[in-house]
Amino acid sequence: MRRPRKTPRRCAPEDVEQQHIRLLLGSIGAPFYEIGRPRARKCHACGAPSKDMGMRQTPGLPDIYAFLPLPRWVPDGHASALWIEMKAEDGRMSEEQETFRRLCFGRGVPHVNGTANAVAAYLVAGGWVREVAHYRMPSAAGDRR
């Protein structure tokens, strides 16, 4: 039986936020790759239960890499992509995640950190989405970029 939480959680956990992002990216036809997915519980070769549930990825690598549709105003050959580091509203980035984000910004590579609200705001600002529900915008949700 599950034990009740000592304090109720007031924000959506990362997996719920990540599902919202998948739906948002799918709604604009953006192919994406989820990097932070847990491994299967069984070995794919022999079917034995796996003892290693680690993700075996480089620390700091974001959760999602998305290829955004090219808006009409973008010249041919210009790639539009986005790294997304999913965080619950009260989540904090690790030192490795902060380093990755700084490297992206230093090289002009788009990177969004936060909830589905932060990604929605980025897509609106970039012209991929015309508008979203008012509660998805940072001013209403208190999201950080």
N, C-alpha and C. Protein backbone atom coordinates (compact mmCIF):
# COMPACT_ATOMS: atom_id res chain seq x y z
N MET A 1 0.84 -1.18 0.00
CA MET A 1 0.00 0.00 0.00
C MET A 1 0.88 1.24 0.00
N ARG A 2 0.47 2.24 -0.75
CA ARG A 2 1.23 3.49 -0.83
C ARG A 2 1.05 4.33 0.40
N ARG A 3 2.14 4.94 0.81
CA ARG A 3 2.07 5.87 1.93
C ARG A 3 1.71 7.25 1.38
N PRO A 4 0.85 7.97 2.08
CA PRO A 4 0.52 9.32 1.62
C PRO A 4 1.73 10.24 1.77
N ARG A 5 1.81 11.23 0.89
CA ARG A 5 2.89 12.21 0.98
C ARG A 5 2.73 13.03 2.25
N LYS A 6 3.86 13.45 2.80
CA LYS A 6 3.81 14.27 4.02
C LYS A 6 3.25 15.65 3.70
N THR A 7 3.69 16.20 2.58
CA THR A 7 3.16 17.50 2.15
C THR A 7 2.62 17.33 0.74
N PRO A 8 1.46 17.87 0.46
CA PRO A 8 0.90 17.71 -0.88
C PRO A 8 1.75 18.47 -1.91
N ARG A 9 1.93 17.87 -3.07
CA ARG A 9 2.69 18.51 -4.14
C ARG A 9 1.79 19.49 -4.87
N ARG A 10 2.25 20.72 -5.04
CA ARG A 10 1.43 21.76 -5.64
C ARG A 10 1.70 21.94 -7.12
N CYS A 11 2.62 21.19 -7.68
CA CYS A 11 2.93 21.36 -9.09
C CYS A 11 2.98 20.00 -9.77
N ALA A 12 2.88 20.02 -11.09
CA ALA A 12 2.90 18.77 -11.86
C ALA A 12 4.30 18.19 -11.88
N PRO A 13 4.44 16.89 -11.69
CA PRO A 13 5.77 16.27 -11.76
C PRO A 13 6.30 16.31 -13.19
N GLU A 14 7.60 16.08 -13.32
CA GLU A 14 8.26 16.17 -14.63
C GLU A 14 7.62 15.28 -15.68
N ASP A 15 7.21 14.07 -15.33
CA ASP A 15 6.66 13.17 -16.34
C ASP A 15 5.35 13.71 -16.91
N VAL A 16 4.55 14.39 -16.10
CA VAL A 16 3.31 15.01 -16.59
C VAL A 16 3.66 16.18 -17.51
N GLU A 17 4.63 17.00 -17.09
CA GLU A 17 5.06 18.13 -17.93
C GLU A 17 5.60 17.62 -19.27
N GLN A 18 6.37 16.52 -19.22
CA GLN A 18 6.95 15.97 -20.45
C GLN A 18 5.84 15.46 -21.38
N GLN A 19 4.79 14.89 -20.83
CA GLN A 19 3.68 14.45 -21.66
C GLN A 19 3.01 15.65 -22.32
N HIS A 20 2.86 16.74 -21.62
CA HIS A 20 2.27 17.96 -22.20
C HIS A 20 3.15 18.48 -23.34
N ILE A 21 4.47 18.41 -23.16
CA ILE A 21 5.39 18.85 -24.21
C ILE A 21 5.26 17.95 -25.44
N ARG A 22 5.17 16.63 -25.24
CA ARG A 22 5.01 15.71 -26.37
C ARG A 22 3.75 16.06 -27.16
N LEU A 23 2.67 16.34 -26.46
CA LEU A 23 1.42 16.70 -27.13
C LEU A 23 1.55 18.02 -27.88
N LEU A 24 2.20 19.00 -27.26
CA LEU A 24 2.39 20.31 -27.89
C LEU A 24 3.24 20.19 -29.15
N LEU A 25 4.36 19.48 -29.06
CA LEU A 25 5.23 19.31 -30.23
C LEU A 25 4.52 18.52 -31.32
N GLY A 26 3.77 17.51 -30.94
CA GLY A 26 3.01 16.73 -31.92
C GLY A 26 1.95 17.56 -32.62
N SER A 27 1.37 18.52 -31.90
CA SER A 27 0.31 19.35 -32.49
C SER A 27 0.84 20.28 -33.59
N ILE A 28 2.14 20.58 -33.58
CA ILE A 28 2.70 21.42 -34.64
C ILE A 28 3.51 20.59 -35.64
N GLY A 29 3.45 19.27 -35.51
CA GLY A 29 4.15 18.39 -36.44
C GLY A 29 5.65 18.37 -36.27
N ALA A 30 6.14 18.60 -35.07
CA ALA A 30 7.58 18.64 -34.81
C ALA A 30 8.07 17.25 -34.39
N PRO A 31 8.92 16.62 -35.20
CA PRO A 31 9.51 15.35 -34.75
C PRO A 31 10.42 15.62 -33.55
N PHE A 32 10.42 14.71 -32.60
CA PHE A 32 11.25 14.92 -31.41
C PHE A 32 11.78 13.59 -30.92
N TYR A 33 12.84 13.68 -30.15
CA TYR A 33 13.49 12.51 -29.58
C TYR A 33 13.61 12.69 -28.08
N GLU A 34 13.12 11.72 -27.33
CA GLU A 34 13.22 11.77 -25.88
C GLU A 34 14.50 11.05 -25.47
N ILE A 35 15.36 11.76 -24.82
CA ILE A 35 16.66 11.22 -24.47
C ILE A 35 16.65 10.59 -23.09
N GLY A 36 15.88 11.14 -22.19
CA GLY A 36 15.87 10.67 -20.80
C GLY A 36 14.81 9.63 -20.52
N ARG A 37 14.74 8.59 -21.31
CA ARG A 37 13.74 7.54 -21.09
C ARG A 37 14.38 6.37 -20.36
N PRO A 38 13.70 5.80 -19.37
CA PRO A 38 14.27 4.65 -18.66
C PRO A 38 14.36 3.42 -19.55
N ARG A 39 15.29 2.57 -19.23
CA ARG A 39 15.47 1.33 -19.99
C ARG A 39 14.34 0.34 -19.68
N ALA A 40 14.19 -0.64 -20.58
CA ALA A 40 13.18 -1.68 -20.38
C ALA A 40 13.49 -2.49 -19.12
N ARG A 41 12.49 -3.02 -18.52
CA ARG A 41 12.67 -3.80 -17.30
C ARG A 41 13.23 -5.19 -17.57
N LYS A 42 13.17 -5.63 -18.84
CA LYS A 42 13.70 -6.95 -19.19
C LYS A 42 14.74 -6.80 -20.28
N CYS A 43 15.69 -7.71 -20.29
CA CYS A 43 16.71 -7.76 -21.32
C CYS A 43 16.03 -8.07 -22.65
N HIS A 44 16.33 -7.29 -23.68
CA HIS A 44 15.70 -7.52 -24.98
C HIS A 44 16.21 -8.78 -25.66
N ALA A 45 17.38 -9.26 -25.28
CA ALA A 45 17.96 -10.44 -25.91
C ALA A 45 17.44 -11.74 -25.30
N CYS A 46 17.46 -11.82 -23.97
CA CYS A 46 17.11 -13.10 -23.34
C CYS A 46 15.81 -13.05 -22.53
N GLY A 47 15.28 -11.86 -22.28
CA GLY A 47 14.03 -11.73 -21.54
C GLY A 47 14.19 -11.76 -20.03
N ALA A 48 15.43 -11.88 -19.54
CA ALA A 48 15.66 -11.91 -18.09
C ALA A 48 15.46 -10.52 -17.50
N PRO A 49 15.00 -10.44 -16.26
CA PRO A 49 14.85 -9.12 -15.63
C PRO A 49 16.18 -8.37 -15.60
N SER A 50 16.13 -7.08 -15.90
CA SER A 50 17.34 -6.27 -15.93
C SER A 50 17.63 -5.69 -14.56
N LYS A 51 18.89 -5.75 -14.17
CA LYS A 51 19.30 -5.16 -12.90
C LYS A 51 19.74 -3.72 -13.10
N ASP A 52 20.01 -3.35 -14.34
CA ASP A 52 20.52 -2.02 -14.66
C ASP A 52 19.39 -1.17 -15.23
N MET A 53 18.83 -0.28 -14.42
CA MET A 53 17.75 0.58 -14.88
C MET A 53 18.26 1.96 -15.26
N GLY A 54 19.60 2.16 -15.24
CA GLY A 54 20.16 3.46 -15.58
C GLY A 54 19.94 3.82 -17.03
N MET A 55 20.05 5.11 -17.32
CA MET A 55 19.81 5.58 -18.67
C MET A 55 21.08 5.62 -19.51
N ARG A 56 22.24 5.53 -18.86
CA ARG A 56 23.52 5.51 -19.54
C ARG A 56 23.66 6.65 -20.55
N GLN A 57 23.41 7.83 -20.12
CA GLN A 57 23.62 8.99 -20.96
C GLN A 57 24.57 9.95 -20.25
N THR A 58 25.14 10.84 -20.99
CA THR A 58 26.07 11.81 -20.44
C THR A 58 25.32 12.72 -19.47
N PRO A 59 25.83 12.91 -18.25
CA PRO A 59 25.16 13.81 -17.31
C PRO A 59 25.04 15.21 -17.89
N GLY A 60 23.87 15.80 -17.73
CA GLY A 60 23.63 17.15 -18.23
C GLY A 60 22.88 17.20 -19.54
N LEU A 61 22.81 16.07 -20.26
CA LEU A 61 22.11 16.04 -21.54
C LEU A 61 20.62 16.25 -21.31
N PRO A 62 19.98 17.19 -22.03
CA PRO A 62 18.56 17.47 -21.82
C PRO A 62 17.65 16.29 -22.15
N ASP A 63 16.37 16.43 -21.81
CA ASP A 63 15.39 15.36 -21.94
C ASP A 63 14.86 15.17 -23.36
N ILE A 64 14.72 16.26 -24.11
CA ILE A 64 14.10 16.19 -25.43
C ILE A 64 14.89 17.02 -26.43
N TYR A 65 15.00 16.50 -27.65
CA TYR A 65 15.56 17.26 -28.77
C TYR A 65 14.48 17.28 -29.84
N ALA A 66 14.04 18.47 -30.24
CA ALA A 66 12.94 18.60 -31.19
C ALA A 66 13.39 19.33 -32.44
N PHE A 67 12.89 18.86 -33.58
CA PHE A 67 13.09 19.53 -34.86
C PHE A 67 11.82 20.31 -35.16
N LEU A 68 11.90 21.62 -35.08
CA LEU A 68 10.71 22.45 -35.25
C LEU A 68 10.43 22.67 -36.73
N PRO A 69 9.14 22.74 -37.10
CA PRO A 69 8.81 23.01 -38.50
C PRO A 69 9.36 24.36 -38.92
N LEU A 70 9.77 24.46 -40.16
CA LEU A 70 10.31 25.73 -40.65
C LEU A 70 9.16 26.70 -40.93
N PRO A 71 9.15 27.85 -40.28
CA PRO A 71 8.14 28.86 -40.60
C PRO A 71 8.33 29.37 -42.02
N ARG A 72 7.31 29.93 -42.60
CA ARG A 72 7.37 30.42 -43.98
C ARG A 72 8.46 31.45 -44.20
N TRP A 73 8.78 32.25 -43.19
CA TRP A 73 9.74 33.34 -43.34
C TRP A 73 11.18 32.89 -43.25
N VAL A 74 11.43 31.64 -42.91
CA VAL A 74 12.81 31.16 -42.77
C VAL A 74 13.33 30.72 -44.14
N PRO A 75 14.53 31.18 -44.55
CA PRO A 75 15.07 30.77 -45.84
C PRO A 75 15.35 29.27 -45.88
N ASP A 76 15.31 28.70 -47.09
CA ASP A 76 15.59 27.26 -47.26
C ASP A 76 16.96 26.91 -46.70
N GLY A 77 17.07 25.74 -46.14
CA GLY A 77 18.35 25.27 -45.62
C GLY A 77 18.62 25.68 -44.18
N HIS A 78 17.76 26.49 -43.59
CA HIS A 78 17.94 26.92 -42.20
C HIS A 78 17.28 25.89 -41.29
N ALA A 79 18.04 25.30 -40.41
CA ALA A 79 17.50 24.29 -39.50
C ALA A 79 16.94 24.94 -38.25
N SER A 80 15.83 24.42 -37.78
CA SER A 80 15.23 24.89 -36.53
C SER A 80 15.11 23.69 -35.60
N ALA A 81 15.82 23.75 -34.50
CA ALA A 81 15.78 22.67 -33.52
C ALA A 81 15.83 23.28 -32.13
N LEU A 82 15.51 22.47 -31.14
CA LEU A 82 15.41 22.97 -29.77
C LEU A 82 15.74 21.87 -28.77
N TRP A 83 16.62 22.18 -27.82
CA TRP A 83 16.87 21.31 -26.68
C TRP A 83 15.90 21.70 -25.58
N ILE A 84 15.31 20.71 -24.92
CA ILE A 84 14.35 20.97 -23.84
C ILE A 84 14.77 20.19 -22.60
N GLU A 85 15.03 20.92 -21.53
CA GLU A 85 15.31 20.31 -20.23
C GLU A 85 14.05 20.43 -19.39
N MET A 86 13.35 19.33 -19.22
CA MET A 86 12.09 19.34 -18.49
C MET A 86 12.34 19.45 -16.99
N LYS A 87 11.58 20.30 -16.36
CA LYS A 87 11.63 20.45 -14.91
C LYS A 87 10.22 20.65 -14.40
N ALA A 88 9.94 20.07 -13.25
CA ALA A 88 8.70 20.39 -12.57
C ALA A 88 8.81 21.86 -12.14
N GLU A 89 7.71 22.45 -11.81
CA GLU A 89 7.71 23.87 -11.47
C GLU A 89 8.72 24.22 -10.38
N ASP A 90 8.91 23.30 -9.44
CA ASP A 90 9.85 23.56 -8.35
C ASP A 90 11.20 22.89 -8.58
N GLY A 91 11.44 22.37 -9.79
CA GLY A 91 12.68 21.65 -10.09
C GLY A 91 13.87 22.56 -10.29
N ARG A 92 15.06 22.03 -10.03
CA ARG A 92 16.31 22.76 -10.18
C ARG A 92 17.24 21.97 -11.09
N MET A 93 18.03 22.68 -11.88
CA MET A 93 18.98 22.01 -12.76
C MET A 93 20.24 21.64 -11.99
N SER A 94 20.84 20.52 -12.41
CA SER A 94 22.10 20.10 -11.83
C SER A 94 23.23 20.96 -12.40
N GLU A 95 24.40 20.85 -11.84
CA GLU A 95 25.55 21.60 -12.34
C GLU A 95 25.85 21.23 -13.80
N GLU A 96 25.75 19.94 -14.13
CA GLU A 96 26.00 19.49 -15.50
C GLU A 96 24.96 20.05 -16.47
N GLN A 97 23.70 20.12 -16.04
CA GLN A 97 22.65 20.69 -16.88
C GLN A 97 22.86 22.18 -17.10
N GLU A 98 23.30 22.89 -16.06
CA GLU A 98 23.61 24.32 -16.19
C GLU A 98 24.75 24.53 -17.18
N THR A 99 25.77 23.69 -17.12
CA THR A 99 26.91 23.79 -18.04
C THR A 99 26.45 23.58 -19.48
N PHE A 100 25.61 22.56 -19.71
CA PHE A 100 25.09 22.30 -21.05
C PHE A 100 24.31 23.51 -21.56
N ARG A 101 23.48 24.08 -20.71
CA ARG A 101 22.67 25.25 -21.09
C ARG A 101 23.58 26.43 -21.46
N ARG A 102 24.62 26.68 -20.67
CA ARG A 102 25.55 27.78 -20.98
C ARG A 102 26.26 27.54 -22.31
N LEU A 103 26.66 26.29 -22.56
CA LEU A 103 27.30 25.96 -23.84
C LEU A 103 26.35 26.22 -25.01
N CYS A 104 25.09 25.86 -24.86
CA CYS A 104 24.10 26.12 -25.91
C CYS A 104 23.98 27.62 -26.17
N PHE A 105 23.77 28.39 -25.11
CA PHE A 105 23.59 29.83 -25.28
C PHE A 105 24.83 30.49 -25.87
N GLY A 106 26.00 30.02 -25.48
CA GLY A 106 27.24 30.58 -25.99
C GLY A 106 27.45 30.34 -27.47
N ARG A 107 26.75 29.37 -28.03
CA ARG A 107 26.90 29.02 -29.44
C ARG A 107 25.63 29.28 -30.24
N GLY A 108 24.67 29.93 -29.64
CA GLY A 108 23.44 30.27 -30.35
C GLY A 108 22.52 29.09 -30.58
N VAL A 109 22.63 28.06 -29.74
CA VAL A 109 21.78 26.88 -29.87
C VAL A 109 20.58 27.04 -28.95
N PRO A 110 19.35 26.94 -29.47
CA PRO A 110 18.16 27.13 -28.63
C PRO A 110 18.05 26.07 -27.53
N HIS A 111 17.73 26.52 -26.33
CA HIS A 111 17.60 25.64 -25.16
C HIS A 111 16.52 26.23 -24.26
N VAL A 112 15.56 25.43 -23.87
CA VAL A 112 14.51 25.86 -22.95
C VAL A 112 14.55 24.97 -21.72
N ASN A 113 14.46 25.60 -20.57
CA ASN A 113 14.46 24.89 -19.30
C ASN A 113 13.16 25.21 -18.59
N GLY A 114 12.45 24.19 -18.14
CA GLY A 114 11.26 24.46 -17.36
C GLY A 114 10.11 23.53 -17.69
N THR A 115 8.92 24.03 -17.49
CA THR A 115 7.70 23.26 -17.68
C THR A 115 7.18 23.43 -19.11
N ALA A 116 6.03 22.83 -19.35
CA ALA A 116 5.37 22.97 -20.66
C ALA A 116 5.07 24.45 -20.94
N ASN A 117 4.88 25.24 -19.91
CA ASN A 117 4.62 26.67 -20.09
C ASN A 117 5.81 27.38 -20.74
N ALA A 118 7.01 27.04 -20.33
CA ALA A 118 8.21 27.67 -20.90
C ALA A 118 8.37 27.31 -22.36
N VAL A 119 8.09 26.06 -22.71
CA VAL A 119 8.18 25.63 -24.10
C VAL A 119 7.10 26.31 -24.93
N ALA A 120 5.89 26.40 -24.40
CA ALA A 120 4.79 27.07 -25.11
C ALA A 120 5.15 28.53 -25.37
N ALA A 121 5.72 29.21 -24.39
CA ALA A 121 6.11 30.61 -24.57
C ALA A 121 7.18 30.75 -25.65
N TYR A 122 8.15 29.82 -25.68
CA TYR A 122 9.20 29.84 -26.71
C TYR A 122 8.59 29.66 -28.10
N LEU A 123 7.65 28.72 -28.22
CA LEU A 123 7.02 28.46 -29.52
C LEU A 123 6.17 29.63 -29.99
N VAL A 124 5.51 30.31 -29.07
CA VAL A 124 4.74 31.51 -29.43
C VAL A 124 5.68 32.62 -29.87
N ALA A 125 6.74 32.86 -29.11
CA ALA A 125 7.69 33.93 -29.43
C ALA A 125 8.38 33.69 -30.76
N GLY A 126 8.62 32.43 -31.12
CA GLY A 126 9.29 32.09 -32.37
C GLY A 126 8.36 31.99 -33.56
N GLY A 127 7.06 32.10 -33.35
CA GLY A 127 6.11 32.05 -34.45
C GLY A 127 5.64 30.66 -34.84
N TRP A 128 5.99 29.63 -34.07
CA TRP A 128 5.54 28.27 -34.40
C TRP A 128 4.09 28.05 -33.97
N VAL A 129 3.66 28.77 -32.94
CA VAL A 129 2.30 28.68 -32.43
C VAL A 129 1.77 30.10 -32.32
N ARG A 130 0.54 30.31 -32.74
CA ARG A 130 -0.02 31.67 -32.68
C ARG A 130 -0.37 32.09 -31.27
N GLU A 131 -1.04 31.21 -30.55
CA GLU A 131 -1.38 31.53 -29.17
C GLU A 131 -1.65 30.23 -28.42
N VAL A 132 -1.54 30.31 -27.12
CA VAL A 132 -1.84 29.18 -26.24
C VAL A 132 -2.75 29.68 -25.13
N ALA A 133 -3.27 28.77 -24.36
CA ALA A 133 -4.13 29.15 -23.24
C ALA A 133 -3.40 30.14 -22.33
N HIS A 134 -4.11 31.08 -21.78
CA HIS A 134 -3.49 32.14 -20.97
C HIS A 134 -2.66 31.58 -19.82
N TYR A 135 -3.08 30.45 -19.24
CA TYR A 135 -2.34 29.90 -18.11
C TYR A 135 -1.03 29.25 -18.52
N ARG A 136 -0.78 29.09 -19.83
CA ARG A 136 0.48 28.53 -20.31
C ARG A 136 1.56 29.60 -20.50
N MET A 137 1.19 30.85 -20.46
CA MET A 137 2.16 31.91 -20.67
C MET A 137 2.90 32.21 -19.36
N PRO A 138 4.19 32.56 -19.43
CA PRO A 138 5.01 32.75 -18.23
C PRO A 138 4.47 33.77 -17.25
N SER A 139 3.87 34.84 -17.73
CA SER A 139 3.39 35.88 -16.81
C SER A 139 2.30 35.32 -15.89
N ALA A 140 1.50 34.38 -16.40
CA ALA A 140 0.44 33.80 -15.58
C ALA A 140 0.95 32.64 -14.74
N ALA A 141 1.92 31.91 -15.26
CA ALA A 141 2.35 30.70 -14.59
C ALA A 141 3.57 30.88 -13.71
N GLY A 142 4.26 32.01 -13.87
CA GLY A 142 5.46 32.23 -13.07
C GLY A 142 6.64 31.38 -13.49
N ASP A 143 6.66 30.96 -14.76
CA ASP A 143 7.76 30.12 -15.26
C ASP A 143 9.02 30.93 -15.49
N ARG A 144 10.14 30.22 -15.49
CA ARG A 144 11.43 30.85 -15.78
C ARG A 144 11.91 30.38 -17.14
N ARG A 145 12.78 31.13 -17.75
CA ARG A 145 13.33 30.73 -19.06
C ARG A 145 14.76 30.38 -18.91
